[in-house]
Amino acid sequence: MVRVYTDGSYVEKNNKAACSGAFVILEDERIIDEKSFLAPLDGSRNVTGEMLAANKGLFRAFHLGYKDVELIFDYTGIEFWVTGHWRANKVNTQAY
């Protein structure tokens, strides 16, 4: 079992909008992988960063061979779009 902690944000970089995301993967309280990144913004500000961090963190955990993953996040949409509690109306939330 591994835990993937994620977070996203909105930043201005060189006067251009961008999103950022980060994940930390913990196994038995040890950090086994972590990463932060910037990506072009698609209109949703920090929501894009939140989704990017969740996607990349889960992908990395699975790539490292973990099949039992707990995703820890602070933005409700990360759960609600997947479970259907919220309707995905925008292209990025539909893709997520």
N, C-alpha and C. Protein backbone atom coordinates (compact mmCIF):
# COMPACT_ATOMS: atom_id res chain seq x y z
N MET A 1 0.85 -1.18 0.00
CA MET A 1 0.00 0.00 0.00
C MET A 1 0.89 1.23 0.00
N VAL A 2 0.50 2.19 -0.82
CA VAL A 2 1.24 3.43 -0.92
C VAL A 2 0.24 4.58 -0.89
N ARG A 3 0.65 5.70 -0.33
CA ARG A 3 -0.19 6.91 -0.31
C ARG A 3 0.40 7.93 -1.27
N VAL A 4 -0.47 8.54 -2.06
CA VAL A 4 -0.06 9.59 -2.99
C VAL A 4 -0.73 10.88 -2.54
N TYR A 5 0.07 11.82 -2.07
CA TYR A 5 -0.42 13.13 -1.65
C TYR A 5 -0.29 14.08 -2.84
N THR A 6 -1.35 14.82 -3.15
CA THR A 6 -1.32 15.69 -4.32
C THR A 6 -1.81 17.09 -3.97
N ASP A 7 -1.39 18.04 -4.77
CA ASP A 7 -1.90 19.41 -4.66
C ASP A 7 -1.65 20.11 -5.99
N GLY A 8 -2.45 21.10 -6.26
CA GLY A 8 -2.32 21.88 -7.49
C GLY A 8 -2.50 23.34 -7.19
N SER A 9 -2.08 24.17 -8.13
CA SER A 9 -2.23 25.61 -7.95
C SER A 9 -2.21 26.30 -9.30
N TYR A 10 -2.41 27.59 -9.26
CA TYR A 10 -2.36 28.45 -10.44
C TYR A 10 -1.22 29.43 -10.23
N VAL A 11 -0.40 29.61 -11.23
CA VAL A 11 0.71 30.56 -11.13
C VAL A 11 0.79 31.39 -12.40
N GLU A 12 1.46 32.51 -12.29
CA GLU A 12 1.81 33.32 -13.45
C GLU A 12 3.29 33.09 -13.70
N LYS A 13 3.64 32.69 -14.89
CA LYS A 13 5.04 32.47 -15.24
C LYS A 13 5.32 33.24 -16.53
N ASN A 14 6.23 34.17 -16.44
CA ASN A 14 6.58 35.00 -17.60
C ASN A 14 5.35 35.68 -18.20
N ASN A 15 4.47 36.17 -17.34
CA ASN A 15 3.24 36.84 -17.74
C ASN A 15 2.28 35.94 -18.52
N LYS A 16 2.45 34.65 -18.39
CA LYS A 16 1.54 33.69 -19.02
C LYS A 16 0.94 32.83 -17.93
N ALA A 17 -0.30 32.49 -18.07
CA ALA A 17 -0.94 31.62 -17.08
C ALA A 17 -0.40 30.21 -17.21
N ALA A 18 -0.28 29.56 -16.09
CA ALA A 18 0.16 28.17 -16.07
C ALA A 18 -0.45 27.50 -14.85
N CYS A 19 -0.44 26.22 -14.84
CA CYS A 19 -0.88 25.51 -13.65
C CYS A 19 0.32 24.74 -13.12
N SER A 20 0.27 24.38 -11.88
CA SER A 20 1.34 23.57 -11.32
C SER A 20 0.70 22.44 -10.54
N GLY A 21 1.41 21.38 -10.41
CA GLY A 21 0.93 20.25 -9.64
C GLY A 21 2.10 19.58 -8.97
N ALA A 22 1.82 18.85 -7.93
CA ALA A 22 2.88 18.14 -7.22
C ALA A 22 2.31 16.89 -6.59
N PHE A 23 3.15 15.89 -6.48
CA PHE A 23 2.76 14.71 -5.74
C PHE A 23 3.93 14.20 -4.92
N VAL A 24 3.61 13.53 -3.85
CA VAL A 24 4.60 12.86 -3.01
C VAL A 24 4.04 11.47 -2.74
N ILE A 25 4.84 10.46 -2.97
CA ILE A 25 4.42 9.09 -2.74
C ILE A 25 5.12 8.57 -1.50
N LEU A 26 4.33 8.12 -0.54
CA LEU A 26 4.88 7.62 0.72
C LEU A 26 4.60 6.13 0.88
N GLU A 27 5.59 5.42 1.34
CA GLU A 27 5.45 4.01 1.70
C GLU A 27 6.05 3.88 3.10
N ASP A 28 5.25 3.45 4.05
CA ASP A 28 5.72 3.32 5.43
C ASP A 28 6.37 4.61 5.93
N GLU A 29 5.75 5.74 5.59
CA GLU A 29 6.22 7.08 6.00
C GLU A 29 7.53 7.50 5.33
N ARG A 30 8.02 6.74 4.37
CA ARG A 30 9.23 7.11 3.62
C ARG A 30 8.81 7.70 2.28
N ILE A 31 9.44 8.80 1.89
CA ILE A 31 9.18 9.36 0.56
C ILE A 31 9.91 8.50 -0.46
N ILE A 32 9.17 7.93 -1.40
CA ILE A 32 9.81 7.11 -2.42
C ILE A 32 9.85 7.80 -3.78
N ASP A 33 9.04 8.85 -3.94
CA ASP A 33 9.08 9.62 -5.18
C ASP A 33 8.33 10.93 -4.94
N GLU A 34 8.76 11.98 -5.61
CA GLU A 34 8.06 13.26 -5.53
C GLU A 34 8.38 14.07 -6.77
N LYS A 35 7.45 14.91 -7.17
CA LYS A 35 7.66 15.71 -8.37
C LYS A 35 6.72 16.90 -8.36
N SER A 36 7.20 18.00 -8.91
CA SER A 36 6.35 19.15 -9.17
C SER A 36 6.59 19.58 -10.61
N PHE A 37 5.63 20.24 -11.20
CA PHE A 37 5.73 20.57 -12.61
C PHE A 37 4.81 21.74 -12.96
N LEU A 38 5.06 22.35 -14.10
CA LEU A 38 4.20 23.39 -14.66
C LEU A 38 3.63 22.87 -15.97
N ALA A 39 2.44 23.33 -16.29
CA ALA A 39 1.82 22.94 -17.56
C ALA A 39 0.98 24.11 -18.04
N PRO A 40 0.70 24.17 -19.34
CA PRO A 40 -0.16 25.24 -19.84
C PRO A 40 -1.54 25.18 -19.18
N LEU A 41 -2.10 26.32 -18.98
CA LEU A 41 -3.43 26.41 -18.37
C LEU A 41 -4.49 26.22 -19.43
N ASP A 42 -5.53 25.50 -19.11
CA ASP A 42 -6.62 25.30 -20.07
C ASP A 42 -7.90 26.01 -19.66
N GLY A 43 -7.79 27.00 -18.80
CA GLY A 43 -8.94 27.80 -18.44
C GLY A 43 -9.51 27.57 -17.06
N SER A 44 -9.03 26.61 -16.34
CA SER A 44 -9.62 26.30 -15.04
C SER A 44 -8.75 26.66 -13.85
N ARG A 45 -7.71 27.41 -14.08
CA ARG A 45 -6.80 27.86 -13.03
C ARG A 45 -6.33 26.70 -12.16
N ASN A 46 -6.48 26.79 -10.84
CA ASN A 46 -5.88 25.76 -9.98
C ASN A 46 -6.53 24.40 -10.13
N VAL A 47 -7.75 24.33 -10.65
CA VAL A 47 -8.40 23.02 -10.86
C VAL A 47 -7.55 22.16 -11.79
N THR A 48 -6.99 22.78 -12.82
CA THR A 48 -6.13 22.04 -13.74
C THR A 48 -4.93 21.46 -13.02
N GLY A 49 -4.31 22.23 -12.14
CA GLY A 49 -3.18 21.75 -11.37
C GLY A 49 -3.56 20.61 -10.45
N GLU A 50 -4.74 20.70 -9.84
CA GLU A 50 -5.21 19.62 -8.95
C GLU A 50 -5.37 18.32 -9.73
N MET A 51 -6.02 18.39 -10.90
CA MET A 51 -6.24 17.19 -11.70
C MET A 51 -4.93 16.63 -12.25
N LEU A 52 -4.04 17.52 -12.68
CA LEU A 52 -2.74 17.10 -13.20
C LEU A 52 -1.94 16.36 -12.14
N ALA A 53 -1.92 16.90 -10.92
CA ALA A 53 -1.18 16.26 -9.83
C ALA A 53 -1.76 14.88 -9.51
N ALA A 54 -3.07 14.78 -9.46
CA ALA A 54 -3.71 13.48 -9.16
C ALA A 54 -3.39 12.47 -10.26
N ASN A 55 -3.55 12.87 -11.51
CA ASN A 55 -3.28 11.96 -12.63
C ASN A 55 -1.83 11.50 -12.63
N LYS A 56 -0.91 12.45 -12.53
CA LYS A 56 0.51 12.10 -12.59
C LYS A 56 0.96 11.30 -11.37
N GLY A 57 0.43 11.63 -10.21
CA GLY A 57 0.79 10.89 -9.00
C GLY A 57 0.32 9.44 -9.06
N LEU A 58 -0.93 9.24 -9.49
CA LEU A 58 -1.44 7.87 -9.62
C LEU A 58 -0.69 7.10 -10.70
N PHE A 59 -0.45 7.74 -11.83
CA PHE A 59 0.29 7.08 -12.91
C PHE A 59 1.67 6.65 -12.44
N ARG A 60 2.34 7.52 -11.71
CA ARG A 60 3.69 7.19 -11.22
C ARG A 60 3.66 6.03 -10.23
N ALA A 61 2.68 6.04 -9.32
CA ALA A 61 2.58 4.94 -8.35
C ALA A 61 2.35 3.61 -9.07
N PHE A 62 1.46 3.59 -10.05
CA PHE A 62 1.20 2.36 -10.81
C PHE A 62 2.44 1.95 -11.60
N HIS A 63 3.15 2.94 -12.17
CA HIS A 63 4.37 2.67 -12.92
C HIS A 63 5.45 2.04 -12.02
N LEU A 64 5.47 2.45 -10.75
CA LEU A 64 6.43 1.88 -9.80
C LEU A 64 6.01 0.50 -9.32
N GLY A 65 4.84 0.03 -9.75
CA GLY A 65 4.41 -1.32 -9.42
C GLY A 65 3.40 -1.43 -8.29
N TYR A 66 2.93 -0.31 -7.78
CA TYR A 66 1.95 -0.35 -6.70
C TYR A 66 0.55 -0.51 -7.27
N LYS A 67 -0.20 -1.46 -6.74
CA LYS A 67 -1.57 -1.69 -7.18
C LYS A 67 -2.58 -1.19 -6.15
N ASP A 68 -2.16 -1.06 -4.92
CA ASP A 68 -3.01 -0.57 -3.84
C ASP A 68 -2.56 0.84 -3.50
N VAL A 69 -3.33 1.84 -3.95
CA VAL A 69 -2.93 3.23 -3.83
C VAL A 69 -4.05 4.02 -3.16
N GLU A 70 -3.69 4.82 -2.16
CA GLU A 70 -4.63 5.74 -1.54
C GLU A 70 -4.26 7.15 -2.00
N LEU A 71 -5.21 7.84 -2.60
CA LEU A 71 -4.98 9.19 -3.09
C LEU A 71 -5.46 10.19 -2.04
N ILE A 72 -4.56 11.07 -1.62
CA ILE A 72 -4.87 12.10 -0.63
C ILE A 72 -4.88 13.44 -1.37
N PHE A 73 -5.98 14.18 -1.25
CA PHE A 73 -6.14 15.43 -1.99
C PHE A 73 -6.94 16.41 -1.15
N ASP A 74 -6.89 17.70 -1.55
CA ASP A 74 -7.63 18.71 -0.80
C ASP A 74 -8.72 19.39 -1.61
N TYR A 75 -8.93 18.98 -2.84
CA TYR A 75 -9.95 19.58 -3.68
C TYR A 75 -11.04 18.56 -3.96
N THR A 76 -12.26 18.86 -3.55
CA THR A 76 -13.39 17.93 -3.63
C THR A 76 -13.64 17.40 -5.04
N GLY A 77 -13.40 18.22 -6.04
CA GLY A 77 -13.65 17.81 -7.42
C GLY A 77 -12.86 16.58 -7.83
N ILE A 78 -11.70 16.38 -7.24
CA ILE A 78 -10.89 15.20 -7.57
C ILE A 78 -11.69 13.93 -7.35
N GLU A 79 -12.48 13.90 -6.31
CA GLU A 79 -13.35 12.74 -6.05
C GLU A 79 -14.68 12.85 -6.78
N PHE A 80 -15.32 14.01 -6.74
CA PHE A 80 -16.70 14.14 -7.21
C PHE A 80 -16.86 13.97 -8.71
N TRP A 81 -15.87 14.33 -9.53
CA TRP A 81 -16.00 14.07 -10.97
C TRP A 81 -15.89 12.59 -11.27
N VAL A 82 -15.05 11.90 -10.54
CA VAL A 82 -14.87 10.46 -10.77
C VAL A 82 -16.08 9.67 -10.31
N THR A 83 -16.67 10.05 -9.17
CA THR A 83 -17.81 9.30 -8.62
C THR A 83 -19.14 9.71 -9.24
N GLY A 84 -19.15 10.79 -10.01
CA GLY A 84 -20.38 11.25 -10.64
C GLY A 84 -21.21 12.20 -9.79
N HIS A 85 -20.70 12.59 -8.63
CA HIS A 85 -21.42 13.57 -7.81
C HIS A 85 -21.48 14.93 -8.49
N TRP A 86 -20.47 15.24 -9.28
CA TRP A 86 -20.46 16.47 -10.07
C TRP A 86 -20.48 16.09 -11.54
N ARG A 87 -21.13 16.89 -12.33
CA ARG A 87 -21.16 16.68 -13.77
C ARG A 87 -19.93 17.34 -14.39
N ALA A 88 -19.24 16.61 -15.22
CA ALA A 88 -18.05 17.14 -15.89
C ALA A 88 -18.51 17.88 -17.15
N ASN A 89 -18.52 19.20 -17.09
CA ASN A 89 -19.01 20.01 -18.19
C ASN A 89 -17.91 20.53 -19.11
N LYS A 90 -16.70 20.67 -18.60
CA LYS A 90 -15.60 21.21 -19.39
C LYS A 90 -14.75 20.09 -19.95
N VAL A 91 -14.03 20.39 -21.02
CA VAL A 91 -13.21 19.39 -21.69
C VAL A 91 -12.20 18.76 -20.72
N ASN A 92 -11.55 19.58 -19.90
CA ASN A 92 -10.52 19.03 -19.00
C ASN A 92 -11.13 18.14 -17.91
N THR A 93 -12.29 18.49 -17.39
CA THR A 93 -12.89 17.64 -16.36
C THR A 93 -13.46 16.37 -16.97
N GLN A 94 -13.92 16.42 -18.19
CA GLN A 94 -14.39 15.22 -18.88
C GLN A 94 -13.22 14.25 -19.14
N ALA A 95 -12.08 14.81 -19.54
CA ALA A 95 -10.90 13.97 -19.77
C ALA A 95 -10.40 13.35 -18.48
N TYR A 96 -10.48 14.12 -17.39
CA TYR A 96 -10.04 13.62 -16.10
C TYR A 96 -10.90 12.45 -15.67
